[in-house]
């Protein structure tokens, strides 16, 4: 009889702990949502101030030199990698690309010549924000996410190094950067193998 009572108490304690953890998680998720919203509001305000200081100009930053790397693709932007490929995150088991930290408005270059096969605005793209995908060969494509501006359209041919948009922080992001993916037959692969 004592074993059953002990088992029931242990089970009840575990259920109580689970309910408590779930409540804490919901609270933290709500807090995170509020912080992201506040961060976007501040970023928009800072962007407006920057435009005013530039005399209302919305021009982007200079593209800078092309970094060819050692692979078949050029770097789409010049900056440090802030999140590597397949980094584990709370909301995804494997980060499907690399994040390159650069200021908002940095020109994004096509990593190789190809045809634009997808452009999608923030409202319909989920966490990617504004993004563009380019088909380079029958099997290889690249995608560029969190853009502040998309500068190409579906069906357009682009050359390697051509500016296709500018960086920003649209969709699920915590600061301006470019999320860059390489896909082989539609499946993500490590971009570093091609840069």
C-alpha atoms as a PDB file:
ATOM      1  CA  UNK A   1       0.000   0.000   0.000  1.00  0.00           C
ATOM      2  CA  UNK A   2       2.839   2.384   0.882  1.00  0.00           C
ATOM      3  CA  UNK A   3       4.433   1.875  -2.537  1.00  0.00           C
ATOM      4  CA  UNK A   4       1.232   2.869  -4.321  1.00  0.00           C
ATOM      5  CA  UNK A   5       0.879   6.007  -2.232  1.00  0.00           C
ATOM      6  CA  UNK A   6       4.531   6.896  -2.861  1.00  0.00           C
ATOM      7  CA  UNK A   7       4.075   6.299  -6.593  1.00  0.00           C
ATOM      8  CA  UNK A   8       0.926   8.448  -6.664  1.00  0.00           C
ATOM      9  CA  UNK A   9       2.703  11.253  -4.780  1.00  0.00           C
ATOM     10  CA  UNK A  10       5.715  11.090  -7.124  1.00  0.00           C
ATOM     11  CA  UNK A  11       3.466  11.157 -10.167  1.00  0.00           C
ATOM     12  CA  UNK A  12       1.469  14.092  -8.795  1.00  0.00           C
ATOM     13  CA  UNK A  13       4.712  15.953  -8.025  1.00  0.00           C
ATOM     14  CA  UNK A  14       5.936  15.375 -11.590  1.00  0.00           C
ATOM     15  CA  UNK A  15       2.642  16.546 -13.064  1.00  0.00           C
ATOM     16  CA  UNK A  16       2.735  19.652 -10.877  1.00  0.00           C
ATOM     17  CA  UNK A  17       6.333  20.367 -11.972  1.00  0.00           C
ATOM     18  CA  UNK A  18       5.371  19.884 -15.631  1.00  0.00           C
ATOM     19  CA  UNK A  19       2.464  22.329 -15.329  1.00  0.00           C
ATOM     20  CA  UNK A  20       4.788  24.831 -13.646  1.00  0.00           C
ATOM     21  CA  UNK A  21       7.458  24.481 -16.372  1.00  0.00           C
ATOM     22  CA  UNK A  22       4.848  24.866 -19.123  1.00  0.00           C
ATOM     23  CA  UNK A  23       3.549  28.026 -17.470  1.00  0.00           C
ATOM     24  CA  UNK A  24       7.066  29.431 -17.189  1.00  0.00           C
ATOM     25  CA  UNK A  25       7.713  28.579 -20.840  1.00  0.00           C
ATOM     26  CA  UNK A  26       4.535  30.369 -21.972  1.00  0.00           C
ATOM     27  CA  UNK A  27       5.540  33.376 -19.890  1.00  0.00           C
ATOM     28  CA  UNK A  28       9.050  33.422 -21.423  1.00  0.00           C
ATOM     29  CA  UNK A  29       7.675  33.018 -24.958  1.00  0.00           C
ATOM     30  CA  UNK A  30       5.332  35.949 -24.365  1.00  0.00           C
ATOM     31  CA  UNK A  31       8.225  37.995 -23.023  1.00  0.00           C
ATOM     32  CA  UNK A  32      10.351  37.073 -26.070  1.00  0.00           C
ATOM     33  CA  UNK A  33       7.556  38.123 -28.438  1.00  0.00           C
ATOM     34  CA  UNK A  34       7.274  41.461 -26.646  1.00  0.00           C
ATOM     35  CA  UNK A  35      11.052  41.975 -26.810  1.00  0.00           C
ATOM     36  CA  UNK A  36      11.184  41.181 -30.531  1.00  0.00           C
ATOM     37  CA  UNK A  37       8.322  43.599 -31.150  1.00  0.00           C
ATOM     38  CA  UNK A  38      10.071  46.306 -29.136  1.00  0.00           C
ATOM     39  CA  UNK A  39      13.348  45.640 -30.966  1.00  0.00           C
ATOM     40  CA  UNK A  40      11.614  46.072 -34.336  1.00  0.00           C
ATOM     41  CA  UNK A  41       9.979  49.297 -33.162  1.00  0.00           C
ATOM     42  CA  UNK A  42      13.333  50.688 -32.037  1.00  0.00           C
ATOM     43  CA  UNK A  43      15.022  49.556 -35.239  1.00  0.00           C
ATOM     44  CA  UNK A  44      12.350  51.260 -37.359  1.00  0.00           C
ATOM     45  CA  UNK A  45      12.766  54.449 -35.345  1.00  0.00           C
ATOM     46  CA  UNK A  46      16.565  54.343 -35.760  1.00  0.00           C
ATOM     47  CA  UNK A  47      16.172  53.767 -39.504  1.00  0.00           C
ATOM     48  CA  UNK A  48      13.862  56.797 -39.738  1.00  0.00           C
ATOM     49  CA  UNK A  49      16.402  58.926 -37.856  1.00  0.00           C
ATOM     50  CA  UNK A  50      19.185  57.710 -40.164  1.00  0.00           C
ATOM     51  CA  UNK A  51      17.090  58.626 -43.229  1.00  0.00           C
ATOM     52  CA  UNK A  52      16.462  62.098 -41.799  1.00  0.00           C
ATOM     53  CA  UNK A  53      20.171  62.596 -41.186  1.00  0.00           C
ATOM     54  CA  UNK A  54      20.844  61.601 -44.799  1.00  0.00           C
ATOM     55  CA  UNK A  55      18.376  64.226 -45.967  1.00  0.00           C
ATOM     56  CA  UNK A  56      15.551  61.729 -46.448  1.00  0.00           C
ATOM     57  CA  UNK A  57      17.643  59.542 -48.720  1.00  0.00           C
ATOM     58  CA  UNK A  58      16.824  55.847 -48.790  1.00  0.00           C
ATOM     59  CA  UNK A  59      19.972  54.871 -50.674  1.00  0.00           C
ATOM     60  CA  UNK A  60      21.729  51.761 -49.482  1.00  0.00           C
ATOM     61  CA  UNK A  61      25.300  51.262 -48.372  1.00  0.00           C
ATOM     62  CA  UNK A  62      28.005  50.750 -51.008  1.00  0.00           C
ATOM     63  CA  UNK A  63      28.320  47.163 -52.207  1.00  0.00           C
ATOM     64  CA  UNK A  64      32.036  46.920 -51.428  1.00  0.00           C
ATOM     65  CA  UNK A  65      34.484  44.554 -53.111  1.00  0.00           C
ATOM     66  CA  UNK A  66      33.438  41.066 -54.165  1.00  0.00           C
ATOM     67  CA  UNK A  67      34.883  38.360 -51.926  1.00  0.00           C
ATOM     68  CA  UNK A  68      35.399  35.349 -54.216  1.00  0.00           C
ATOM     69  CA  UNK A  69      36.364  32.886 -51.472  1.00  0.00           C
ATOM     70  CA  UNK A  70      37.814  29.555 -52.598  1.00  0.00           C
ATOM     71  CA  UNK A  71      34.661  27.784 -53.816  1.00  0.00           C
ATOM     72  CA  UNK A  72      32.401  28.127 -56.840  1.00  0.00           C
ATOM     73  CA  UNK A  73      30.211  30.827 -55.232  1.00  0.00           C
ATOM     74  CA  UNK A  74      31.125  34.358 -54.197  1.00  0.00           C
ATOM     75  CA  UNK A  75      30.150  35.682 -50.785  1.00  0.00           C
ATOM     76  CA  UNK A  76      26.800  37.510 -51.107  1.00  0.00           C
ATOM     77  CA  UNK A  77      27.893  40.087 -48.490  1.00  0.00           C
ATOM     78  CA  UNK A  78      31.157  40.741 -46.673  1.00  0.00           C
ATOM     79  CA  UNK A  79      30.844  40.190 -42.928  1.00  0.00           C
ATOM     80  CA  UNK A  80      31.382  37.767 -40.068  1.00  0.00           C
ATOM     81  CA  UNK A  81      29.370  34.567 -39.695  1.00  0.00           C
ATOM     82  CA  UNK A  82      27.104  35.127 -36.701  1.00  0.00           C
ATOM     83  CA  UNK A  83      25.298  31.754 -36.875  1.00  0.00           C
ATOM     84  CA  UNK A  84      26.868  28.716 -38.550  1.00  0.00           C
ATOM     85  CA  UNK A  85      25.125  26.040 -40.582  1.00  0.00           C
ATOM     86  CA  UNK A  86      23.128  23.506 -38.551  1.00  0.00           C
ATOM     87  CA  UNK A  87      23.417  25.438 -35.290  1.00  0.00           C
ATOM     88  CA  UNK A  88      20.768  24.142 -32.879  1.00  0.00           C
ATOM     89  CA  UNK A  89      18.217  26.722 -31.718  1.00  0.00           C
ATOM     90  CA  UNK A  90      15.169  26.663 -29.488  1.00  0.00           C
ATOM     91  CA  UNK A  91      12.849  26.737 -32.507  1.00  0.00           C
ATOM     92  CA  UNK A  92      14.839  24.539 -34.927  1.00  0.00           C
ATOM     93  CA  UNK A  93      17.050  21.486 -34.652  1.00  0.00           C
ATOM     94  CA  UNK A  94      19.337  22.575 -37.499  1.00  0.00           C
ATOM     95  CA  UNK A  95      19.810  26.172 -38.701  1.00  0.00           C
ATOM     96  CA  UNK A  96      19.400  25.690 -42.485  1.00  0.00           C
ATOM     97  CA  UNK A  97      22.021  28.195 -43.622  1.00  0.00           C
ATOM     98  CA  UNK A  98      24.569  30.683 -42.347  1.00  0.00           C
ATOM     99  CA  UNK A  99      23.888  34.137 -40.947  1.00  0.00           C
ATOM    100  CA  UNK A 100      26.294  36.884 -41.973  1.00  0.00           C
ATOM    101  CA  UNK A 101      26.224  39.971 -39.761  1.00  0.00           C
ATOM    102  CA  UNK A 102      26.077  43.237 -41.715  1.00  0.00           C
ATOM    103  CA  UNK A 103      24.264  46.573 -41.272  1.00  0.00           C
ATOM    104  CA  UNK A 104      20.766  47.082 -42.676  1.00  0.00           C
ATOM    105  CA  UNK A 105      20.895  48.353 -46.236  1.00  0.00           C
ATOM    106  CA  UNK A 106      24.018  46.401 -47.224  1.00  0.00           C
ATOM    107  CA  UNK A 107      23.732  45.344 -50.890  1.00  0.00           C
ATOM    108  CA  UNK A 108      23.306  41.590 -51.436  1.00  0.00           C
ATOM    109  CA  UNK A 109      25.064  40.073 -54.446  1.00  0.00           C
ATOM    110  CA  UNK A 110      23.999  36.964 -56.358  1.00  0.00           C
ATOM    111  CA  UNK A 111      26.450  34.228 -55.345  1.00  0.00           C
ATOM    112  CA  UNK A 112      26.439  32.910 -58.938  1.00  0.00           C
ATOM    113  CA  UNK A 113      24.681  33.581 -62.227  1.00  0.00           C
ATOM    114  CA  UNK A 114      21.184  32.164 -62.492  1.00  0.00           C
ATOM    115  CA  UNK A 115      17.476  32.790 -62.713  1.00  0.00           C
ATOM    116  CA  UNK A 116      15.309  34.184 -59.915  1.00  0.00           C
ATOM    117  CA  UNK A 117      12.765  31.469 -59.121  1.00  0.00           C
ATOM    118  CA  UNK A 118      11.202  32.859 -55.945  1.00  0.00           C
ATOM    119  CA  UNK A 119      10.702  36.192 -54.214  1.00  0.00           C
ATOM    120  CA  UNK A 120       8.462  36.414 -51.224  1.00  0.00           C
ATOM    121  CA  UNK A 121       7.465  39.276 -48.979  1.00  0.00           C
ATOM    122  CA  UNK A 122       7.541  39.225 -45.206  1.00  0.00           C
ATOM    123  CA  UNK A 123       3.786  38.769 -44.815  1.00  0.00           C
ATOM    124  CA  UNK A 124       3.762  35.380 -46.539  1.00  0.00           C
ATOM    125  CA  UNK A 125       7.191  33.951 -45.761  1.00  0.00           C
ATOM    126  CA  UNK A 126       7.078  33.161 -42.068  1.00  0.00           C
ATOM    127  CA  UNK A 127      10.418  33.473 -40.320  1.00  0.00           C
ATOM    128  CA  UNK A 128      12.413  34.247 -43.475  1.00  0.00           C
ATOM    129  CA  UNK A 129      11.003  37.752 -43.901  1.00  0.00           C
ATOM    130  CA  UNK A 130      11.594  39.161 -47.381  1.00  0.00           C
ATOM    131  CA  UNK A 131      13.569  36.597 -49.329  1.00  0.00           C
ATOM    132  CA  UNK A 132      14.822  35.637 -52.773  1.00  0.00           C
ATOM    133  CA  UNK A 133      15.888  32.293 -54.265  1.00  0.00           C
ATOM    134  CA  UNK A 134      18.018  31.898 -57.393  1.00  0.00           C
ATOM    135  CA  UNK A 135      18.392  28.682 -59.423  1.00  0.00           C
ATOM    136  CA  UNK A 136      22.000  28.377 -60.662  1.00  0.00           C
ATOM    137  CA  UNK A 137      22.134  24.879 -62.167  1.00  0.00           C
ATOM    138  CA  UNK A 138      19.677  22.025 -62.544  1.00  0.00           C
ATOM    139  CA  UNK A 139      20.489  21.000 -58.973  1.00  0.00           C
ATOM    140  CA  UNK A 140      21.865  24.082 -57.136  1.00  0.00           C
ATOM    141  CA  UNK A 141      19.999  27.102 -55.810  1.00  0.00           C
ATOM    142  CA  UNK A 142      20.744  29.798 -53.237  1.00  0.00           C
ATOM    143  CA  UNK A 143      18.341  31.700 -50.993  1.00  0.00           C
ATOM    144  CA  UNK A 144      18.767  35.085 -49.292  1.00  0.00           C
ATOM    145  CA  UNK A 145      16.528  35.951 -46.315  1.00  0.00           C
ATOM    146  CA  UNK A 146      15.639  38.858 -43.982  1.00  0.00           C
ATOM    147  CA  UNK A 147      16.046  41.427 -46.777  1.00  0.00           C
ATOM    148  CA  UNK A 148      14.901  45.009 -46.241  1.00  0.00           C
ATOM    149  CA  UNK A 149      14.438  45.351 -49.996  1.00  0.00           C
ATOM    150  CA  UNK A 150      14.065  42.823 -52.819  1.00  0.00           C
ATOM    151  CA  UNK A 151      15.652  44.195 -55.984  1.00  0.00           C
ATOM    152  CA  UNK A 152      14.780  41.459 -58.495  1.00  0.00           C
ATOM    153  CA  UNK A 153      11.674  39.682 -59.752  1.00  0.00           C
ATOM    154  CA  UNK A 154      10.761  36.090 -60.572  1.00  0.00           C
ATOM    155  CA  UNK A 155      11.994  35.023 -63.997  1.00  0.00           C
ATOM    156  CA  UNK A 156      14.784  37.595 -64.085  1.00  0.00           C
ATOM    157  CA  UNK A 157      18.269  36.394 -65.073  1.00  0.00           C
ATOM    158  CA  UNK A 158      21.071  37.642 -62.828  1.00  0.00           C
ATOM    159  CA  UNK A 159      24.827  37.605 -63.189  1.00  0.00           C
ATOM    160  CA  UNK A 160      27.283  36.597 -60.483  1.00  0.00           C
ATOM    161  CA  UNK A 161      27.900  39.619 -58.257  1.00  0.00           C
ATOM    162  CA  UNK A 162      24.771  41.491 -59.374  1.00  0.00           C
ATOM    163  CA  UNK A 163      23.011  43.305 -56.521  1.00  0.00           C
ATOM    164  CA  UNK A 164      19.676  41.541 -55.891  1.00  0.00           C
ATOM    165  CA  UNK A 165      18.477  43.397 -52.785  1.00  0.00           C
ATOM    166  CA  UNK A 166      19.586  44.840 -49.461  1.00  0.00           C
ATOM    167  CA  UNK A 167      19.952  43.344 -46.016  1.00  0.00           C
ATOM    168  CA  UNK A 168      17.646  44.028 -43.106  1.00  0.00           C
ATOM    169  CA  UNK A 169      15.845  42.328 -40.261  1.00  0.00           C
ATOM    170  CA  UNK A 170      12.496  41.114 -41.592  1.00  0.00           C
ATOM    171  CA  UNK A 171      10.819  37.931 -40.385  1.00  0.00           C
ATOM    172  CA  UNK A 172      12.228  36.131 -37.353  1.00  0.00           C
ATOM    173  CA  UNK A 173      15.525  37.841 -36.575  1.00  0.00           C
ATOM    174  CA  UNK A 174      17.225  39.626 -33.722  1.00  0.00           C
ATOM    175  CA  UNK A 175      19.366  42.106 -35.640  1.00  0.00           C
ATOM    176  CA  UNK A 176      20.302  42.985 -39.213  1.00  0.00           C
ATOM    177  CA  UNK A 177      22.025  40.186 -41.113  1.00  0.00           C
ATOM    178  CA  UNK A 178      21.778  38.050 -44.225  1.00  0.00           C
ATOM    179  CA  UNK A 179      20.566  34.478 -43.854  1.00  0.00           C
ATOM    180  CA  UNK A 180      22.179  32.608 -46.778  1.00  0.00           C
ATOM    181  CA  UNK A 181      21.278  29.080 -47.890  1.00  0.00           C
ATOM    182  CA  UNK A 182      22.650  26.728 -50.516  1.00  0.00           C
ATOM    183  CA  UNK A 183      20.269  24.000 -51.655  1.00  0.00           C
ATOM    184  CA  UNK A 184      21.120  20.924 -53.706  1.00  0.00           C
ATOM    185  CA  UNK A 185      18.028  19.364 -55.284  1.00  0.00           C
ATOM    186  CA  UNK A 186      15.966  21.397 -52.818  1.00  0.00           C
ATOM    187  CA  UNK A 187      17.745  20.122 -49.687  1.00  0.00           C
ATOM    188  CA  UNK A 188      19.795  22.534 -47.582  1.00  0.00           C
ATOM    189  CA  UNK A 189      23.522  21.925 -47.399  1.00  0.00           C
ATOM    190  CA  UNK A 190      26.415  23.724 -45.744  1.00  0.00           C
ATOM    191  CA  UNK A 191      27.121  26.917 -47.738  1.00  0.00           C
ATOM    192  CA  UNK A 192      30.728  26.891 -46.546  1.00  0.00           C
ATOM    193  CA  UNK A 193      31.374  23.943 -48.886  1.00  0.00           C
ATOM    194  CA  UNK A 194      30.662  26.258 -51.845  1.00  0.00           C
ATOM    195  CA  UNK A 195      32.016  29.653 -50.739  1.00  0.00           C
END
